[in-house]
PDB file of N, CA and C in Angstrom:
ATOM      1  N   MET A   1     116.710  -9.641 149.016  1.00  0.00           N
ATOM      2  CA  MET A   1     116.518  -9.309 150.405  1.00  0.00           C
ATOM      3  C   MET A   1     115.637  -8.065 150.482  1.00  0.00           C
ATOM      4  N   ARG A   2     114.732  -8.054 151.393  1.00  0.00           N
ATOM      5  CA  ARG A   2     113.830  -6.914 151.541  1.00  0.00           C
ATOM      6  C   ARG A   2     114.589  -5.701 152.064  1.00  0.00           C
ATOM      7  N   PRO A   3     114.158  -4.508 151.690  1.00  0.00           N
ATOM      8  CA  PRO A   3     114.874  -3.294 152.102  1.00  0.00           C
ATOM      9  C   PRO A   3     115.014  -3.134 153.617  1.00  0.00           C
ATOM     10  N   LEU A   4     113.983  -3.515 154.376  1.00  0.00           N
ATOM     11  CA  LEU A   4     114.069  -3.365 155.831  1.00  0.00           C
ATOM     12  C   LEU A   4     115.186  -4.226 156.405  1.00  0.00           C
ATOM     13  N   TRP A   5     115.297  -5.461 155.922  1.00  0.00           N
ATOM     14  CA  TRP A   5     116.358  -6.343 156.405  1.00  0.00           C
ATOM     15  C   TRP A   5     117.725  -5.856 155.957  1.00  0.00           C
ATOM     16  N   ARG A   6     117.799  -5.252 154.776  1.00  0.00           N
ATOM     17  CA  ARG A   6     119.065  -4.692 154.306  1.00  0.00           C
ATOM     18  C   ARG A   6     119.468  -3.498 155.169  1.00  0.00           C
ATOM     19  N   ILE A   7     118.502  -2.698 155.571  1.00  0.00           N
ATOM     20  CA  ILE A   7     118.801  -1.563 156.454  1.00  0.00           C
ATOM     21  C   ILE A   7     119.313  -2.070 157.797  1.00  0.00           C
ATOM     22  N   PHE A   8     118.642  -3.070 158.378  1.00  0.00           N
ATOM     23  CA  PHE A   8     119.098  -3.644 159.645  1.00  0.00           C
ATOM     24  C   PHE A   8     120.489  -4.263 159.496  1.00  0.00           C
ATOM     25  N   GLY A   9     120.728  -4.924 158.374  1.00  0.00           N
ATOM     26  CA  GLY A   9     122.046  -5.516 158.130  1.00  0.00           C
ATOM     27  C   GLY A   9     123.131  -4.464 158.037  1.00  0.00           C
ATOM     28  N   GLY A  10     122.856  -3.375 157.336  1.00  0.00           N
ATOM     29  CA  GLY A  10     123.834  -2.294 157.227  1.00  0.00           C
ATOM     30  C   GLY A  10     124.109  -1.637 158.561  1.00  0.00           C
ATOM     31  N   ILE A  11     123.065  -1.365 159.323  1.00  0.00           N
ATOM     32  CA  ILE A  11     123.243  -0.764 160.647  1.00  0.00           C
ATOM     33  C   ILE A  11     123.971  -1.733 161.575  1.00  0.00           C
ATOM     34  N   GLY A  12     123.655  -3.016 161.453  1.00  0.00           N
ATOM     35  CA  GLY A  12     124.339  -4.025 162.269  1.00  0.00           C
ATOM     36  C   GLY A  12     125.827  -4.091 161.969  1.00  0.00           C
ATOM     37  N   LEU A  13     126.185  -4.005 160.692  1.00  0.00           N
ATOM     38  CA  LEU A  13     127.602  -4.031 160.340  1.00  0.00           C
ATOM     39  C   LEU A  13     128.337  -2.791 160.844  1.00  0.00           C
ATOM     40  N   VAL A  14     127.692  -1.647 160.794  1.00  0.00           N
ATOM     41  CA  VAL A  14     128.312  -0.440 161.337  1.00  0.00           C
ATOM     42  C   VAL A  14     128.471  -0.579 162.853  1.00  0.00           C
ATOM     43  N   ALA A  15     127.500  -1.170 163.526  1.00  0.00           N
ATOM     44  CA  ALA A  15     127.603  -1.398 164.969  1.00  0.00           C
ATOM     45  C   ALA A  15     128.735  -2.381 165.285  1.00  0.00           C
ATOM     46  N   VAL A  16     128.873  -3.423 164.484  1.00  0.00           N
ATOM     47  CA  VAL A  16     129.978  -4.371 164.660  1.00  0.00           C
ATOM     48  C   VAL A  16     131.310  -3.649 164.489  1.00  0.00           C
ATOM     49  N   SER A  17     131.358  -2.722 163.555  1.00  0.00           N
ATOM     50  CA  SER A  17     132.572  -1.948 163.331  1.00  0.00           C
ATOM     51  C   SER A  17     132.945  -1.135 164.567  1.00  0.00           C
ATOM     52  N   VAL A  18     131.975  -0.497 165.169  1.00  0.00           N
ATOM     53  CA  VAL A  18     132.239   0.311 166.365  1.00  0.00           C
ATOM     54  C   VAL A  18     132.710  -0.582 167.516  1.00  0.00           C
ATOM     55  N   VAL A  19     132.051  -1.702 167.721  1.00  0.00           N
ATOM     56  CA  VAL A  19     132.441  -2.623 168.794  1.00  0.00           C
ATOM     57  C   VAL A  19     133.842  -3.171 168.534  1.00  0.00           C
ATOM     58  N   ALA A  20     134.134  -3.529 167.284  1.00  0.00           N
ATOM     59  CA  ALA A  20     135.466  -4.047 166.952  1.00  0.00           C
ATOM     60  C   ALA A  20     136.536  -2.987 167.209  1.00  0.00           C
ATOM     61  N   ALA A  21     136.246  -1.741 166.903  1.00  0.00           N
ATOM     62  CA  ALA A  21     137.214  -0.674 167.143  1.00  0.00           C
ATOM     63  C   ALA A  21     137.460  -0.484 168.641  1.00  0.00           C
ATOM     64  N   ILE A  22     136.412  -0.529 169.445  1.00  0.00           N
ATOM     65  CA  ILE A  22     136.563  -0.356 170.899  1.00  0.00           C
ATOM     66  C   ILE A  22     137.354  -1.513 171.503  1.00  0.00           C
ATOM     67  N   VAL A  23     137.016  -2.735 171.107  1.00  0.00           N
ATOM     68  CA  VAL A  23     137.727  -3.910 171.623  1.00  0.00           C
ATOM     69  C   VAL A  23     139.181  -3.879 171.182  1.00  0.00           C
ATOM     70  N   THR A  24     139.430  -3.504 169.939  1.00  0.00           N
ATOM     71  CA  THR A  24     140.802  -3.443 169.434  1.00  0.00           C
ATOM     72  C   THR A  24     141.629  -2.423 170.202  1.00  0.00           C
ATOM     73  N   MET A  25     141.052  -1.264 170.444  1.00  0.00           N
ATOM     74  CA  MET A  25     141.794  -0.231 171.173  1.00  0.00           C
ATOM     75  C   MET A  25     142.100  -0.682 172.606  1.00  0.00           C
ATOM     76  N   ALA A  26     141.154  -1.305 173.266  1.00  0.00           N
ATOM     77  CA  ALA A  26     141.380  -1.780 174.634  1.00  0.00           C
ATOM     78  C   ALA A  26     142.467  -2.845 174.664  1.00  0.00           C
ATOM     79  N   TRP A  27     142.390  -3.778 173.720  1.00  0.00           N
ATOM     80  CA  TRP A  27     143.364  -4.862 173.655  1.00  0.00           C
ATOM     81  C   TRP A  27     144.747  -4.318 173.297  1.00  0.00           C
ATOM     82  N   TRP A  28     144.786  -3.367 172.371  1.00  0.00           N
ATOM     83  CA  TRP A  28     146.045  -2.768 171.930  1.00  0.00           C
ATOM     84  C   TRP A  28     146.725  -2.032 173.088  1.00  0.00           C
ATOM     85  N   ILE A  29     145.964  -1.243 173.838  1.00  0.00           N
ATOM     86  CA  ILE A  29     146.541  -0.489 174.960  1.00  0.00           C
ATOM     87  C   ILE A  29     147.072  -1.439 176.033  1.00  0.00           C
ATOM     88  N   ARG A  30     146.350  -2.520 176.292  1.00  0.00           N
ATOM     89  CA  ARG A  30     146.792  -3.474 177.313  1.00  0.00           C
ATOM     90  C   ARG A  30     148.079  -4.183 176.880  1.00  0.00           C
ATOM     91  N   LEU A  31     148.169  -4.570 175.607  1.00  0.00           N
ATOM     92  CA  LEU A  31     149.351  -5.279 175.127  1.00  0.00           C
ATOM     93  C   LEU A  31     150.525  -4.348 174.842  1.00  0.00           C
ATOM     94  N   LEU A  32     150.263  -3.079 174.627  1.00  0.00           N
ATOM     95  CA  LEU A  32     151.319  -2.132 174.300  1.00  0.00           C
ATOM     96  C   LEU A  32     152.376  -2.059 175.402  1.00  0.00           C
ATOM     97  N   GLN A  33     151.967  -2.242 176.632  1.00  0.00           N
ATOM     98  CA  GLN A  33     152.900  -2.163 177.756  1.00  0.00           C
ATOM     99  C   GLN A  33     153.719  -3.435 177.929  1.00  0.00           C
ATOM    100  N   THR A  34     153.183  -4.573 177.513  1.00  0.00           N
ATOM    101  CA  THR A  34     153.885  -5.844 177.735  1.00  0.00           C
ATOM    102  C   THR A  34     154.610  -6.346 176.495  1.00  0.00           C
ATOM    103  N   ILE A  35     153.921  -6.406 175.363  1.00  0.00           N
ATOM    104  CA  ILE A  35     154.539  -6.880 174.116  1.00  0.00           C
ATOM    105  C   ILE A  35     154.204  -5.909 172.982  1.00  0.00           C
ATOM    106  N   PRO A  36     155.015  -4.869 172.841  1.00  0.00           N
ATOM    107  CA  PRO A  36     154.697  -3.801 171.886  1.00  0.00           C
ATOM    108  C   PRO A  36     154.616  -4.255 170.424  1.00  0.00           C
ATOM    109  N   ALA A  37     155.473  -5.160 170.000  1.00  0.00           N
ATOM    110  CA  ALA A  37     155.476  -5.567 168.588  1.00  0.00           C
ATOM    111  C   ALA A  37     154.166  -6.258 168.218  1.00  0.00           C
ATOM    112  N   GLU A  38     153.703  -7.160 169.055  1.00  0.00           N
ATOM    113  CA  GLU A  38     152.464  -7.866 168.771  1.00  0.00           C
ATOM    114  C   GLU A  38     151.244  -6.958 168.928  1.00  0.00           C
ATOM    115  N   SER A  39     151.360  -5.959 169.789  1.00  0.00           N
ATOM    116  CA  SER A  39     150.233  -5.052 169.970  1.00  0.00           C
ATOM    117  C   SER A  39     149.938  -4.289 168.679  1.00  0.00           C
ATOM    118  N   TRP A  40     150.986  -3.952 167.934  1.00  0.00           N
ATOM    119  CA  TRP A  40     150.771  -3.240 166.669  1.00  0.00           C
ATOM    120  C   TRP A  40     150.148  -4.164 165.622  1.00  0.00           C
ATOM    121  N   LEU A  41     150.457  -5.445 165.685  1.00  0.00           N
ATOM    122  CA  LEU A  41     149.813  -6.411 164.794  1.00  0.00           C
ATOM    123  C   LEU A  41     148.323  -6.501 165.110  1.00  0.00           C
ATOM    124  N   ILE A  42     147.992  -6.567 166.385  1.00  0.00           N
ATOM    125  CA  ILE A  42     146.591  -6.583 166.813  1.00  0.00           C
ATOM    126  C   ILE A  42     145.882  -5.312 166.360  1.00  0.00           C
ATOM    127  N   PHE A  43     146.555  -4.183 166.519  1.00  0.00           N
ATOM    128  CA  PHE A  43     145.984  -2.908 166.108  1.00  0.00           C
ATOM    129  C   PHE A  43     145.681  -2.895 164.609  1.00  0.00           C
ATOM    130  N   GLY A  44     146.620  -3.352 163.800  1.00  0.00           N
ATOM    131  CA  GLY A  44     146.426  -3.369 162.349  1.00  0.00           C
ATOM    132  C   GLY A  44     145.300  -4.280 161.912  1.00  0.00           C
ATOM    133  N   VAL A  45     145.247  -5.467 162.487  1.00  0.00           N
ATOM    134  CA  VAL A  45     144.182  -6.421 162.126  1.00  0.00           C
ATOM    135  C   VAL A  45     142.827  -5.899 162.594  1.00  0.00           C
ATOM    136  N   GLY A  46     142.762  -5.405 163.807  1.00  0.00           N
ATOM    137  CA  GLY A  46     141.498  -4.881 164.334  1.00  0.00           C
ATOM    138  C   GLY A  46     141.005  -3.682 163.554  1.00  0.00           C
ATOM    139  N   LEU A  47     141.928  -2.797 163.195  1.00  0.00           N
ATOM    140  CA  LEU A  47     141.550  -1.633 162.398  1.00  0.00           C
ATOM    141  C   LEU A  47     141.050  -2.051 161.014  1.00  0.00           C
ATOM    142  N   SER A  48     141.677  -3.057 160.435  1.00  0.00           N
ATOM    143  CA  SER A  48     141.242  -3.552 159.122  1.00  0.00           C
ATOM    144  C   SER A  48     139.842  -4.162 159.185  1.00  0.00           C
ATOM    145  N   VAL A  49     139.595  -4.959 160.210  1.00  0.00           N
ATOM    146  CA  VAL A  49     138.272  -5.575 160.375  1.00  0.00           C
ATOM    147  C   VAL A  49     137.212  -4.506 160.607  1.00  0.00           C
ATOM    148  N   SER A  50     137.531  -3.549 161.455  1.00  0.00           N
ATOM    149  CA  SER A  50     136.590  -2.477 161.756  1.00  0.00           C
ATOM    150  C   SER A  50     136.281  -1.648 160.510  1.00  0.00           C
ATOM    151  N   THR A  51     137.299  -1.311 159.756  1.00  0.00           N
ATOM    152  CA  THR A  51     137.106  -0.523 158.543  1.00  0.00           C
ATOM    153  C   THR A  51     136.302  -1.291 157.503  1.00  0.00           C
ATOM    154  N   ALA A  52     136.617  -2.563 157.328  1.00  0.00           N
ATOM    155  CA  ALA A  52     135.892  -3.377 156.352  1.00  0.00           C
ATOM    156  C   ALA A  52     134.409  -3.488 156.717  1.00  0.00           C
ATOM    157  N   ALA A  53     134.114  -3.712 157.994  1.00  0.00           N
ATOM    158  CA  ALA A  53     132.714  -3.834 158.422  1.00  0.00           C
ATOM    159  C   ALA A  53     131.967  -2.517 158.231  1.00  0.00           C
ATOM    160  N   ALA A  54     132.636  -1.404 158.551  1.00  0.00           N
ATOM    161  CA  ALA A  54     131.983  -0.103 158.387  1.00  0.00           C
ATOM    162  C   ALA A  54     131.716   0.196 156.916  1.00  0.00           C
ATOM    163  N   LEU A  55     132.694  -0.043 156.069  1.00  0.00           N
ATOM    164  CA  LEU A  55     132.506   0.224 154.637  1.00  0.00           C
ATOM    165  C   LEU A  55     131.419  -0.667 154.034  1.00  0.00           C
ATOM    166  N   TRP A  56     131.411  -1.929 154.426  1.00  0.00           N
ATOM    167  CA  TRP A  56     130.398  -2.856 153.912  1.00  0.00           C
ATOM    168  C   TRP A  56     129.005  -2.431 154.368  1.00  0.00           C
ATOM    169  N   GLY A  57     128.878  -2.041 155.632  1.00  0.00           N
ATOM    170  CA  GLY A  57     127.583  -1.595 156.152  1.00  0.00           C
ATOM    171  C   GLY A  57     127.093  -0.330 155.467  1.00  0.00           C
ATOM    172  N   VAL A  58     127.986   0.633 155.280  1.00  0.00           N
ATOM    173  CA  VAL A  58     127.602   1.873 154.600  1.00  0.00           C
ATOM    174  C   VAL A  58     127.258   1.595 153.147  1.00  0.00           C
ATOM    175  N   TRP A  59     127.997   0.692 152.502  1.00  0.00           N
ATOM    176  CA  TRP A  59     127.710   0.330 151.108  1.00  0.00           C
ATOM    177  C   TRP A  59     126.306  -0.270 150.986  1.00  0.00           C
ATOM    178  N   ILE A  60     125.938  -1.128 151.923  1.00  0.00           N
ATOM    179  CA  ILE A  60     124.594  -1.721 151.914  1.00  0.00           C
ATOM    180  C   ILE A  60     123.541  -0.632 152.090  1.00  0.00           C
ATOM    181  N   LEU A  61     123.763   0.268 153.051  1.00  0.00           N
ATOM    182  CA  LEU A  61     122.788   1.333 153.298  1.00  0.00           C
ATOM    183  C   LEU A  61     122.659   2.257 152.086  1.00  0.00           C
ATOM    184  N   LEU A  62     123.763   2.607 151.475  1.00  0.00           N
ATOM    185  CA  LEU A  62     123.695   3.448 150.272  1.00  0.00           C
ATOM    186  C   LEU A  62     122.954   2.732 149.148  1.00  0.00           C
ATOM    187  N   GLY A  63     123.147   1.437 149.036  1.00  0.00           N
ATOM    188  CA  GLY A  63     122.457   0.663 148.017  1.00  0.00           C
ATOM    189  C   GLY A  63     120.955   0.648 148.212  1.00  0.00           C
ATOM    190  N   VAL A  64     120.528   0.570 149.460  1.00  0.00           N
ATOM    191  CA  VAL A  64     119.087   0.573 149.748  1.00  0.00           C
ATOM    192  C   VAL A  64     118.471   1.888 149.289  1.00  0.00           C
ATOM    193  N   PHE A  65     119.106   2.991 149.638  1.00  0.00           N
ATOM    194  CA  PHE A  65     118.537   4.291 149.290  1.00  0.00           C
ATOM    195  C   PHE A  65     118.709   4.616 147.812  1.00  0.00           C
ATOM    196  N   ARG A  66     119.785   4.122 147.190  1.00  0.00           N
ATOM    197  CA  ARG A  66     119.972   4.321 145.757  1.00  0.00           C
ATOM    198  C   ARG A  66     118.894   3.549 144.982  1.00  0.00           C
ATOM    199  N   ASP A  67     118.617   2.323 145.389  1.00  0.00           N
ATOM    200  CA  ASP A  67     117.576   1.529 144.736  1.00  0.00           C
ATOM    201  C   ASP A  67     116.209   2.177 144.900  1.00  0.00           C
ATOM    202  N   ARG A  68     115.970   2.762 146.054  1.00  0.00           N
ATOM    203  CA  ARG A  68     114.685   3.410 146.311  1.00  0.00           C
ATOM    204  C   ARG A  68     114.519   4.622 145.391  1.00  0.00           C
ATOM    205  N   GLU A  69     115.585   5.412 145.200  1.00  0.00           N
ATOM    206  CA  GLU A  69     115.514   6.572 144.317  1.00  0.00           C
ATOM    207  C   GLU A  69     115.306   6.160 142.872  1.00  0.00           C
ATOM    208  N   GLU A  70     115.972   5.095 142.447  1.00  0.00           N
ATOM    209  CA  GLU A  70     115.834   4.633 141.073  1.00  0.00           C
ATOM    210  C   GLU A  70     114.423   4.119 140.799  1.00  0.00           C
ATOM    211  N   SER A  71     113.820   3.489 141.791  1.00  0.00           N
ATOM    212  CA  SER A  71     112.474   2.957 141.579  1.00  0.00           C
ATOM    213  C   SER A  71     111.445   4.089 141.507  1.00  0.00           C
ATOM    214  N   HIS A  72     111.702   5.217 142.184  1.00  0.00           N
ATOM    215  CA  HIS A  72     110.784   6.335 142.152  1.00  0.00           C
ATOM    216  C   HIS A  72     110.978   7.192 140.898  1.00  0.00           C
ATOM    217  N   SER A  73     112.174   7.197 140.353  1.00  0.00           N
ATOM    218  CA  SER A  73     112.436   8.039 139.198  1.00  0.00           C
ATOM    219  C   SER A  73     112.317   7.302 137.872  1.00  0.00           C
ATOM    220  N   ALA A  74     111.855   6.059 137.904  1.00  0.00           N
ATOM    221  CA  ALA A  74     111.718   5.287 136.669  1.00  0.00           C
ATOM    222  C   ALA A  74     110.566   5.887 135.829  1.00  0.00           C
ATOM    223  N   PRO A  75     110.806   5.983 134.531  1.00  0.00           N
ATOM    224  CA  PRO A  75     109.736   6.543 133.677  1.00  0.00           C
ATOM    225  C   PRO A  75     108.532   5.613 133.651  1.00  0.00           C
ATOM    226  N   GLN A  76     107.390   6.212 133.739  1.00  0.00           N
ATOM    227  CA  GLN A  76     106.167   5.423 133.750  1.00  0.00           C
ATOM    228  C   GLN A  76     105.508   5.499 132.376  1.00  0.00           C
ATOM    229  N   GLU A  77     105.078   4.368 131.905  1.00  0.00           N
ATOM    230  CA  GLU A  77     104.482   4.302 130.568  1.00  0.00           C
ATOM    231  C   GLU A  77     102.985   4.196 130.638  1.00  0.00           C
TER     232      GLU A  77
END
């Protein structure tokens, strides 16, 4: 995959993480008043999805910049 597309993919995953966190919090607060036990299940699943997407996106972005540094620091013959 080209570096530009990897950067967009990483930023997209971080954006998905933020949206998932906002939706989870809104849904959790709404359900907390009516069915508290299930609201905590929603909170846990939403937090897990949000965290996974953020970590995956940051991992991709770090990989892009790590690969770029390695290609510049390679010994030239």
